[in-house]
Amino acid sequence: MNAAKQIRVERTNNRQEAGLVDRPAQMPSTQPDGSPLRRLPEIILQRRATSRFKAQEVPDTYLSAILHLAAQAPSGYNLQPWRFIVVKDEIGRRRLQKVAMNQKKVAEAPVVIIAIGMKEEWHKYLTHILEEGAKRGSGNPEKIERAEKGALDFLSHQKMDVWVTRHTMIAVTYLMLVAEAYGFDTAPMEGFDPAGVKREFAIPDEAEVVALLALGKAEPPDKAYPGRFSVQKTVFYERYGRNGQ
């Protein structure tokens, strides 16, 4: 096969593999017990990182909804560099526990999601994502080549471990908030051995292991609210250090 034909085949395969899809049509409209979905302000004010989990499964319908909605997270150039490994099997969760500082909640939670960022894989899909976006009205079909050049130029100047972490954490936040809206409890974790997680779950070398997210039903009692800085301390206007509008 000559080089030009090889490139055409690879581009076709990448396009088929990328396969951008439409928004999910139907999601559960209540919590598993029939209660209304929790409102976002309530979730933000009341959620705590769960320390212990009950041995109570997350129904597949809800887990699927959580994953589908998290996949709607935004990302630079719509490259979606995150990948999620869903660990439900008890043996798998215990393997993960060993490389996650032996945290009990990793083995207790019925679901733990390993969030990784792919630092190189996006190259395969960039052209197709831009073309597909233009077809859907997000971009100019006549300027795909210019858009691709601009993306490549920008990304070539980024530290890719930092770049994929930024975007993967947006998707993890979506996962967490959607799970909480459906009445589940969550525990985001950064205490793990990245090399060990990669080894145990056959994660490619290029991947950045960004976070773990345990989800299920919390074992009481809830953590007490520890307090937060006031916005006067954390919010500035027009320049750093300027309080008030």
C-alpha atoms as a PDB file:
ATOM      1  CA  MET A   1       0.000   0.000   0.000  1.00  0.00           C
ATOM      2  CA  ASN A   2       1.465   3.374  -0.980  1.00  0.00           C
ATOM      3  CA  ALA A   3       1.801   6.174   1.550  1.00  0.00           C
ATOM      4  CA  ALA A   4      -1.104   8.285   0.223  1.00  0.00           C
ATOM      5  CA  LYS A   5      -3.487   5.344   0.292  1.00  0.00           C
ATOM      6  CA  GLN A   6      -2.319   4.435   3.804  1.00  0.00           C
ATOM      7  CA  ILE A   7      -3.097   7.973   5.009  1.00  0.00           C
ATOM      8  CA  ARG A   8      -6.591   7.814   3.436  1.00  0.00           C
ATOM      9  CA  VAL A   9      -7.291   4.475   5.118  1.00  0.00           C
ATOM     10  CA  GLU A  10      -6.086   5.769   8.490  1.00  0.00           C
ATOM     11  CA  ARG A  11      -8.209   8.916   8.198  1.00  0.00           C
ATOM     12  CA  THR A  12     -11.280   6.822   7.339  1.00  0.00           C
ATOM     13  CA  ASN A  13     -10.659   4.475  10.252  1.00  0.00           C
ATOM     14  CA  ASN A  14     -10.136   7.384  12.640  1.00  0.00           C
ATOM     15  CA  ARG A  15     -13.361   9.007  11.450  1.00  0.00           C
ATOM     16  CA  GLN A  16     -15.311   5.806  12.020  1.00  0.00           C
ATOM     17  CA  GLU A  17     -13.667   5.218  15.385  1.00  0.00           C
ATOM     18  CA  ALA A  18     -14.298   8.764  16.609  1.00  0.00           C
ATOM     19  CA  GLY A  19     -17.978   8.607  15.622  1.00  0.00           C
ATOM     20  CA  LEU A  20     -19.376  11.724  17.294  1.00  0.00           C
ATOM     21  CA  VAL A  21     -22.903  11.101  18.527  1.00  0.00           C
ATOM     22  CA  ASP A  22     -25.877  13.248  19.418  1.00  0.00           C
ATOM     23  CA  ARG A  23     -26.965  14.136  22.933  1.00  0.00           C
ATOM     24  CA  PRO A  24     -28.604  11.251  24.828  1.00  0.00           C
ATOM     25  CA  ALA A  25     -32.347  11.325  24.211  1.00  0.00           C
ATOM     26  CA  GLN A  26     -33.729   9.869  27.429  1.00  0.00           C
ATOM     27  CA  MET A  27     -32.400   9.809  30.961  1.00  0.00           C
ATOM     28  CA  PRO A  28     -34.065   8.799  34.233  1.00  0.00           C
ATOM     29  CA  SER A  29     -36.172  11.716  35.438  1.00  0.00           C
ATOM     30  CA  THR A  30     -36.183  10.762  39.140  1.00  0.00           C
ATOM     31  CA  GLN A  31     -33.917   9.206  41.723  1.00  0.00           C
ATOM     32  CA  PRO A  32     -34.094   5.386  42.023  1.00  0.00           C
ATOM     33  CA  ASP A  33     -36.621   5.641  44.872  1.00  0.00           C
ATOM     34  CA  GLY A  34     -38.872   7.932  42.819  1.00  0.00           C
ATOM     35  CA  SER A  35     -37.818  11.144  44.550  1.00  0.00           C
ATOM     36  CA  PRO A  36     -37.312  14.251  42.374  1.00  0.00           C
ATOM     37  CA  LEU A  37     -33.810  14.939  41.128  1.00  0.00           C
ATOM     38  CA  ARG A  38     -31.788  17.050  43.513  1.00  0.00           C
ATOM     39  CA  ARG A  39     -31.313  20.686  42.498  1.00  0.00           C
ATOM     40  CA  LEU A  40     -27.834  21.973  41.695  1.00  0.00           C
ATOM     41  CA  PRO A  41     -27.680  24.640  44.471  1.00  0.00           C
ATOM     42  CA  GLU A  42     -28.691  21.982  47.013  1.00  0.00           C
ATOM     43  CA  ILE A  43     -26.012  19.603  45.733  1.00  0.00           C
ATOM     44  CA  ILE A  44     -23.297  22.260  45.877  1.00  0.00           C
ATOM     45  CA  LEU A  45     -24.210  23.308  49.417  1.00  0.00           C
ATOM     46  CA  GLN A  46     -24.802  19.843  50.874  1.00  0.00           C
ATOM     47  CA  ARG A  47     -22.444  17.356  49.209  1.00  0.00           C
ATOM     48  CA  ARG A  48     -19.480  16.061  51.179  1.00  0.00           C
ATOM     49  CA  ALA A  49     -16.731  13.650  50.199  1.00  0.00           C
ATOM     50  CA  THR A  50     -18.068  10.294  51.338  1.00  0.00           C
ATOM     51  CA  SER A  51     -15.815   8.353  53.709  1.00  0.00           C
ATOM     52  CA  ARG A  52     -17.707   5.042  53.893  1.00  0.00           C
ATOM     53  CA  PHE A  53     -20.121   3.372  51.483  1.00  0.00           C
ATOM     54  CA  LYS A  54     -22.981   0.920  51.900  1.00  0.00           C
ATOM     55  CA  ALA A  55     -22.952  -2.374  50.023  1.00  0.00           C
ATOM     56  CA  GLN A  56     -25.739  -1.159  47.741  1.00  0.00           C
ATOM     57  CA  GLU A  57     -25.420  -1.356  43.965  1.00  0.00           C
ATOM     58  CA  VAL A  58     -25.799   1.536  41.574  1.00  0.00           C
ATOM     59  CA  PRO A  59     -28.453   0.440  39.038  1.00  0.00           C
ATOM     60  CA  ASP A  60     -27.050   0.145  35.522  1.00  0.00           C
ATOM     61  CA  THR A  61     -29.682   2.535  34.164  1.00  0.00           C
ATOM     62  CA  TYR A  62     -28.400   5.261  36.473  1.00  0.00           C
ATOM     63  CA  LEU A  63     -24.736   4.505  35.964  1.00  0.00           C
ATOM     64  CA  SER A  64     -25.281   4.714  32.205  1.00  0.00           C
ATOM     65  CA  ALA A  65     -27.060   8.061  32.587  1.00  0.00           C
ATOM     66  CA  ILE A  66     -24.260   9.445  34.766  1.00  0.00           C
ATOM     67  CA  LEU A  67     -21.617   8.429  32.219  1.00  0.00           C
ATOM     68  CA  HIS A  68     -23.603   9.710  29.219  1.00  0.00           C
ATOM     69  CA  LEU A  69     -24.229  13.092  30.828  1.00  0.00           C
ATOM     70  CA  ALA A  70     -20.612  13.437  31.970  1.00  0.00           C
ATOM     71  CA  ALA A  71     -19.598  12.871  28.348  1.00  0.00           C
ATOM     72  CA  GLN A  72     -21.303  16.184  27.530  1.00  0.00           C
ATOM     73  CA  ALA A  73     -18.564  18.098  29.382  1.00  0.00           C
ATOM     74  CA  PRO A  74     -16.827  20.821  27.352  1.00  0.00           C
ATOM     75  CA  SER A  75     -13.212  20.598  26.241  1.00  0.00           C
ATOM     76  CA  GLY A  76     -10.727  22.583  24.184  1.00  0.00           C
ATOM     77  CA  TYR A  77     -11.434  22.107  20.460  1.00  0.00           C
ATOM     78  CA  ASN A  78     -14.000  19.494  21.569  1.00  0.00           C
ATOM     79  CA  LEU A  79     -11.164  16.962  21.755  1.00  0.00           C
ATOM     80  CA  GLN A  80     -12.611  15.215  24.837  1.00  0.00           C
ATOM     81  CA  PRO A  81      -9.277  13.776  25.998  1.00  0.00           C
ATOM     82  CA  TRP A  82     -10.749  12.021  29.035  1.00  0.00           C
ATOM     83  CA  ARG A  83     -11.372   8.292  29.301  1.00  0.00           C
ATOM     84  CA  PHE A  84     -13.199   6.561  32.160  1.00  0.00           C
ATOM     85  CA  ILE A  85     -12.529   3.059  33.442  1.00  0.00           C
ATOM     86  CA  VAL A  86     -15.536   1.843  35.424  1.00  0.00           C
ATOM     87  CA  VAL A  87     -14.506  -0.612  38.125  1.00  0.00           C
ATOM     88  CA  LYS A  88     -17.481  -2.539  39.554  1.00  0.00           C
ATOM     89  CA  ASP A  89     -16.056  -5.999  40.146  1.00  0.00           C
ATOM     90  CA  GLU A  90     -15.051  -6.548  43.784  1.00  0.00           C
ATOM     91  CA  ILE A  91     -11.739  -8.120  42.826  1.00  0.00           C
ATOM     92  CA  GLY A  92     -10.956  -5.123  40.624  1.00  0.00           C
ATOM     93  CA  ARG A  93     -11.856  -2.679  43.372  1.00  0.00           C
ATOM     94  CA  ARG A  94      -9.580  -4.469  45.812  1.00  0.00           C
ATOM     95  CA  ARG A  95      -6.761  -4.360  43.266  1.00  0.00           C
ATOM     96  CA  LEU A  96      -7.386  -0.648  42.926  1.00  0.00           C
ATOM     97  CA  GLN A  97      -7.441  -0.224  46.700  1.00  0.00           C
ATOM     98  CA  LYS A  98      -3.906  -1.598  46.931  1.00  0.00           C
ATOM     99  CA  VAL A  99      -2.602   1.153  44.628  1.00  0.00           C
ATOM    100  CA  ALA A 100      -4.820   3.849  46.186  1.00  0.00           C
ATOM    101  CA  MET A 101      -3.219   4.108  49.615  1.00  0.00           C
ATOM    102  CA  ASN A 102      -5.394   1.229  50.839  1.00  0.00           C
ATOM    103  CA  GLN A 103      -8.387   3.542  51.247  1.00  0.00           C
ATOM    104  CA  LYS A 104     -11.372   1.523  52.513  1.00  0.00           C
ATOM    105  CA  LYS A 105     -13.892   3.405  50.396  1.00  0.00           C
ATOM    106  CA  VAL A 106     -12.241   2.163  47.199  1.00  0.00           C
ATOM    107  CA  ALA A 107     -13.174  -1.411  48.109  1.00  0.00           C
ATOM    108  CA  GLU A 108     -16.514  -0.482  49.718  1.00  0.00           C
ATOM    109  CA  ALA A 109     -18.017   1.690  46.972  1.00  0.00           C
ATOM    110  CA  PRO A 110     -20.003  -0.340  44.422  1.00  0.00           C
ATOM    111  CA  VAL A 111     -18.483   1.733  41.610  1.00  0.00           C
ATOM    112  CA  VAL A 112     -15.126   3.456  41.320  1.00  0.00           C
ATOM    113  CA  ILE A 113     -14.283   5.354  38.154  1.00  0.00           C
ATOM    114  CA  ILE A 114     -10.671   5.845  37.112  1.00  0.00           C
ATOM    115  CA  ALA A 115     -10.403   9.091  35.153  1.00  0.00           C
ATOM    116  CA  ILE A 116      -7.474   9.356  32.765  1.00  0.00           C
ATOM    117  CA  GLY A 117      -6.380  11.949  30.210  1.00  0.00           C
ATOM    118  CA  MET A 118      -4.954  10.858  26.870  1.00  0.00           C
ATOM    119  CA  LYS A 119      -2.018  13.059  25.894  1.00  0.00           C
ATOM    120  CA  GLU A 120      -1.544  11.858  22.303  1.00  0.00           C
ATOM    121  CA  GLU A 121      -4.657  10.031  21.115  1.00  0.00           C
ATOM    122  CA  TRP A 122      -6.435  13.269  20.207  1.00  0.00           C
ATOM    123  CA  HIS A 123      -4.153  13.622  17.153  1.00  0.00           C
ATOM    124  CA  LYS A 124      -6.093  10.781  15.518  1.00  0.00           C
ATOM    125  CA  TYR A 125      -9.430  12.550  15.849  1.00  0.00           C
ATOM    126  CA  LEU A 126      -8.686  16.258  15.496  1.00  0.00           C
ATOM    127  CA  THR A 127      -9.520  16.576  11.784  1.00  0.00           C
ATOM    128  CA  HIS A 128     -12.710  14.559  12.055  1.00  0.00           C
ATOM    129  CA  ILE A 129     -13.916  16.435  15.146  1.00  0.00           C
ATOM    130  CA  LEU A 130     -13.436  19.780  13.400  1.00  0.00           C
ATOM    131  CA  GLU A 131     -15.138  18.521  10.218  1.00  0.00           C
ATOM    132  CA  GLU A 132     -18.053  17.056  12.140  1.00  0.00           C
ATOM    133  CA  GLY A 133     -18.438  20.222  14.197  1.00  0.00           C
ATOM    134  CA  ALA A 134     -18.574  22.307  11.024  1.00  0.00           C
ATOM    135  CA  LYS A 135     -21.269  20.027   9.577  1.00  0.00           C
ATOM    136  CA  ARG A 136     -23.317  20.625  12.712  1.00  0.00           C
ATOM    137  CA  GLY A 137     -22.924  24.388  12.483  1.00  0.00           C
ATOM    138  CA  SER A 138     -20.055  24.746  14.938  1.00  0.00           C
ATOM    139  CA  GLY A 139     -17.349  26.123  12.681  1.00  0.00           C
ATOM    140  CA  ASN A 140     -16.817  27.027   9.057  1.00  0.00           C
ATOM    141  CA  PRO A 141     -16.515  24.042   6.649  1.00  0.00           C
ATOM    142  CA  GLU A 142     -14.278  26.154   4.402  1.00  0.00           C
ATOM    143  CA  LYS A 143     -11.797  26.888   7.176  1.00  0.00           C
ATOM    144  CA  ILE A 144     -11.143  23.396   8.564  1.00  0.00           C
ATOM    145  CA  GLU A 145      -7.494  23.428   7.513  1.00  0.00           C
ATOM    146  CA  ARG A 146      -6.920  26.790   9.182  1.00  0.00           C
ATOM    147  CA  ALA A 147      -8.731  25.640  12.347  1.00  0.00           C
ATOM    148  CA  GLU A 148      -6.645  22.467  12.457  1.00  0.00           C
ATOM    149  CA  LYS A 149      -3.412  24.428  12.063  1.00  0.00           C
ATOM    150  CA  GLY A 150      -4.464  26.797  14.839  1.00  0.00           C
ATOM    151  CA  ALA A 151      -5.308  23.923  17.175  1.00  0.00           C
ATOM    152  CA  LEU A 152      -2.031  22.137  16.489  1.00  0.00           C
ATOM    153  CA  ASP A 153      -0.063  25.340  16.997  1.00  0.00           C
ATOM    154  CA  PHE A 154      -1.764  26.058  20.313  1.00  0.00           C
ATOM    155  CA  LEU A 155      -1.480  22.514  21.620  1.00  0.00           C
ATOM    156  CA  SER A 156       2.159  22.193  20.597  1.00  0.00           C
ATOM    157  CA  HIS A 157       2.947  24.848  23.205  1.00  0.00           C
ATOM    158  CA  GLN A 158       1.032  23.151  26.031  1.00  0.00           C
ATOM    159  CA  LYS A 159       2.322  20.795  28.691  1.00  0.00           C
ATOM    160  CA  MET A 160       0.040  17.923  27.793  1.00  0.00           C
ATOM    161  CA  ASP A 161      -0.134  16.429  31.287  1.00  0.00           C
ATOM    162  CA  VAL A 162      -1.468  19.767  32.519  1.00  0.00           C
ATOM    163  CA  TRP A 163      -3.766  20.258  29.530  1.00  0.00           C
ATOM    164  CA  VAL A 164      -5.465  16.861  29.780  1.00  0.00           C
ATOM    165  CA  THR A 165      -5.783  17.202  33.558  1.00  0.00           C
ATOM    166  CA  ARG A 166      -7.678  20.482  33.154  1.00  0.00           C
ATOM    167  CA  HIS A 167     -10.212  18.970  30.800  1.00  0.00           C
ATOM    168  CA  THR A 168     -10.505  15.614  32.502  1.00  0.00           C
ATOM    169  CA  MET A 169     -11.300  17.294  35.799  1.00  0.00           C
ATOM    170  CA  ILE A 170     -14.150  19.218  34.171  1.00  0.00           C
ATOM    171  CA  ALA A 171     -15.597  15.865  33.078  1.00  0.00           C
ATOM    172  CA  VAL A 172     -15.018  14.379  36.562  1.00  0.00           C
ATOM    173  CA  THR A 173     -16.923  17.306  38.049  1.00  0.00           C
ATOM    174  CA  TYR A 174     -19.799  16.560  35.686  1.00  0.00           C
ATOM    175  CA  LEU A 175     -19.701  12.911  36.811  1.00  0.00           C
ATOM    176  CA  MET A 176     -19.798  13.918  40.454  1.00  0.00           C
ATOM    177  CA  LEU A 177     -22.613  16.444  40.177  1.00  0.00           C
ATOM    178  CA  VAL A 178     -24.803  14.239  37.989  1.00  0.00           C
ATOM    179  CA  ALA A 179     -24.358  11.302  40.378  1.00  0.00           C
ATOM    180  CA  GLU A 180     -25.347  13.549  43.282  1.00  0.00           C
ATOM    181  CA  ALA A 181     -28.404  14.806  41.367  1.00  0.00           C
ATOM    182  CA  TYR A 182     -29.563  11.205  41.044  1.00  0.00           C
ATOM    183  CA  GLY A 183     -29.258  10.725  44.795  1.00  0.00           C
ATOM    184  CA  PHE A 184     -25.898   8.953  44.980  1.00  0.00           C
ATOM    185  CA  ASP A 185     -22.943   9.954  47.109  1.00  0.00           C
ATOM    186  CA  THR A 186     -19.444  10.540  45.778  1.00  0.00           C
ATOM    187  CA  ALA A 187     -15.818  10.694  46.840  1.00  0.00           C
ATOM    188  CA  PRO A 188     -13.244  12.215  44.478  1.00  0.00           C
ATOM    189  CA  MET A 189      -9.738  10.984  45.274  1.00  0.00           C
ATOM    190  CA  GLU A 190      -6.205  12.004  44.402  1.00  0.00           C
ATOM    191  CA  GLY A 191      -4.508   9.538  46.753  1.00  0.00           C
ATOM    192  CA  PHE A 192      -3.159   6.822  44.463  1.00  0.00           C
ATOM    193  CA  ASP A 193       0.001   5.559  42.791  1.00  0.00           C
ATOM    194  CA  PRO A 194      -0.373   6.491  39.098  1.00  0.00           C
ATOM    195  CA  ALA A 195       2.131   3.885  37.922  1.00  0.00           C
ATOM    196  CA  GLY A 196       0.399   1.221  39.989  1.00  0.00           C
ATOM    197  CA  VAL A 197      -3.031   2.157  38.640  1.00  0.00           C
ATOM    198  CA  LYS A 198      -1.666   1.982  35.089  1.00  0.00           C
ATOM    199  CA  ARG A 199      -0.116  -1.417  35.720  1.00  0.00           C
ATOM    200  CA  GLU A 200      -3.195  -2.942  37.329  1.00  0.00           C
ATOM    201  CA  PHE A 201      -5.665  -1.757  34.673  1.00  0.00           C
ATOM    202  CA  ALA A 202      -3.658  -1.995  31.443  1.00  0.00           C
ATOM    203  CA  ILE A 203      -3.696   1.778  30.943  1.00  0.00           C
ATOM    204  CA  PRO A 204      -1.562   3.039  28.008  1.00  0.00           C
ATOM    205  CA  ASP A 205       1.746   4.737  28.713  1.00  0.00           C
ATOM    206  CA  GLU A 206       0.560   8.031  27.206  1.00  0.00           C
ATOM    207  CA  ALA A 207      -2.277   8.351  29.721  1.00  0.00           C
ATOM    208  CA  GLU A 208      -2.253  10.689  32.694  1.00  0.00           C
ATOM    209  CA  VAL A 209      -4.081   9.141  35.668  1.00  0.00           C
ATOM    210  CA  VAL A 210      -5.980  12.177  36.913  1.00  0.00           C
ATOM    211  CA  ALA A 211      -8.457  11.126  39.599  1.00  0.00           C
ATOM    212  CA  LEU A 212     -10.594   8.392  41.088  1.00  0.00           C
ATOM    213  CA  LEU A 213     -14.293   8.879  41.794  1.00  0.00           C
ATOM    214  CA  ALA A 214     -16.115   6.482  44.088  1.00  0.00           C
ATOM    215  CA  LEU A 215     -19.906   6.520  43.981  1.00  0.00           C
ATOM    216  CA  GLY A 216     -22.720   4.721  45.734  1.00  0.00           C
ATOM    217  CA  LYS A 217     -24.771   5.272  48.878  1.00  0.00           C
ATOM    218  CA  ALA A 218     -23.039   6.762  51.912  1.00  0.00           C
ATOM    219  CA  GLU A 219     -22.794   4.977  55.223  1.00  0.00           C
ATOM    220  CA  PRO A 220     -23.823   7.569  57.885  1.00  0.00           C
ATOM    221  CA  PRO A 221     -22.881   9.802  59.492  1.00  0.00           C
ATOM    222  CA  ASP A 222     -22.156  12.517  56.931  1.00  0.00           C
ATOM    223  CA  LYS A 223     -19.094  14.661  57.348  1.00  0.00           C
ATOM    224  CA  ALA A 224     -19.663  17.980  59.071  1.00  0.00           C
ATOM    225  CA  TYR A 225     -19.431  21.111  56.947  1.00  0.00           C
ATOM    226  CA  PRO A 226     -15.839  22.354  57.393  1.00  0.00           C
ATOM    227  CA  GLY A 227     -16.466  25.909  56.158  1.00  0.00           C
ATOM    228  CA  ARG A 228     -15.130  27.810  53.165  1.00  0.00           C
ATOM    229  CA  PHE A 229     -13.285  31.064  52.603  1.00  0.00           C
ATOM    230  CA  SER A 230     -15.510  34.066  52.033  1.00  0.00           C
ATOM    231  CA  VAL A 231     -15.750  35.399  48.493  1.00  0.00           C
ATOM    232  CA  GLN A 232     -14.107  38.586  49.769  1.00  0.00           C
ATOM    233  CA  LYS A 233     -10.958  36.491  50.208  1.00  0.00           C
ATOM    234  CA  THR A 234     -11.165  34.532  46.969  1.00  0.00           C
ATOM    235  CA  VAL A 235     -12.810  36.854  44.432  1.00  0.00           C
ATOM    236  CA  PHE A 236     -11.176  39.936  42.962  1.00  0.00           C
ATOM    237  CA  TYR A 237     -12.313  42.411  40.320  1.00  0.00           C
ATOM    238  CA  GLU A 238     -10.297  43.621  37.355  1.00  0.00           C
ATOM    239  CA  ARG A 239      -6.947  42.745  38.979  1.00  0.00           C
ATOM    240  CA  TYR A 240      -5.576  40.527  41.711  1.00  0.00           C
ATOM    241  CA  GLY A 241      -6.174  41.885  45.212  1.00  0.00           C
ATOM    242  CA  ARG A 242      -8.958  44.321  44.318  1.00  0.00           C
ATOM    243  CA  ASN A 243     -12.065  43.604  46.380  1.00  0.00           C
ATOM    244  CA  GLY A 244     -15.476  44.891  45.418  1.00  0.00           C
ATOM    245  CA  GLN A 245     -16.892  45.950  42.093  1.00  0.00           C
END
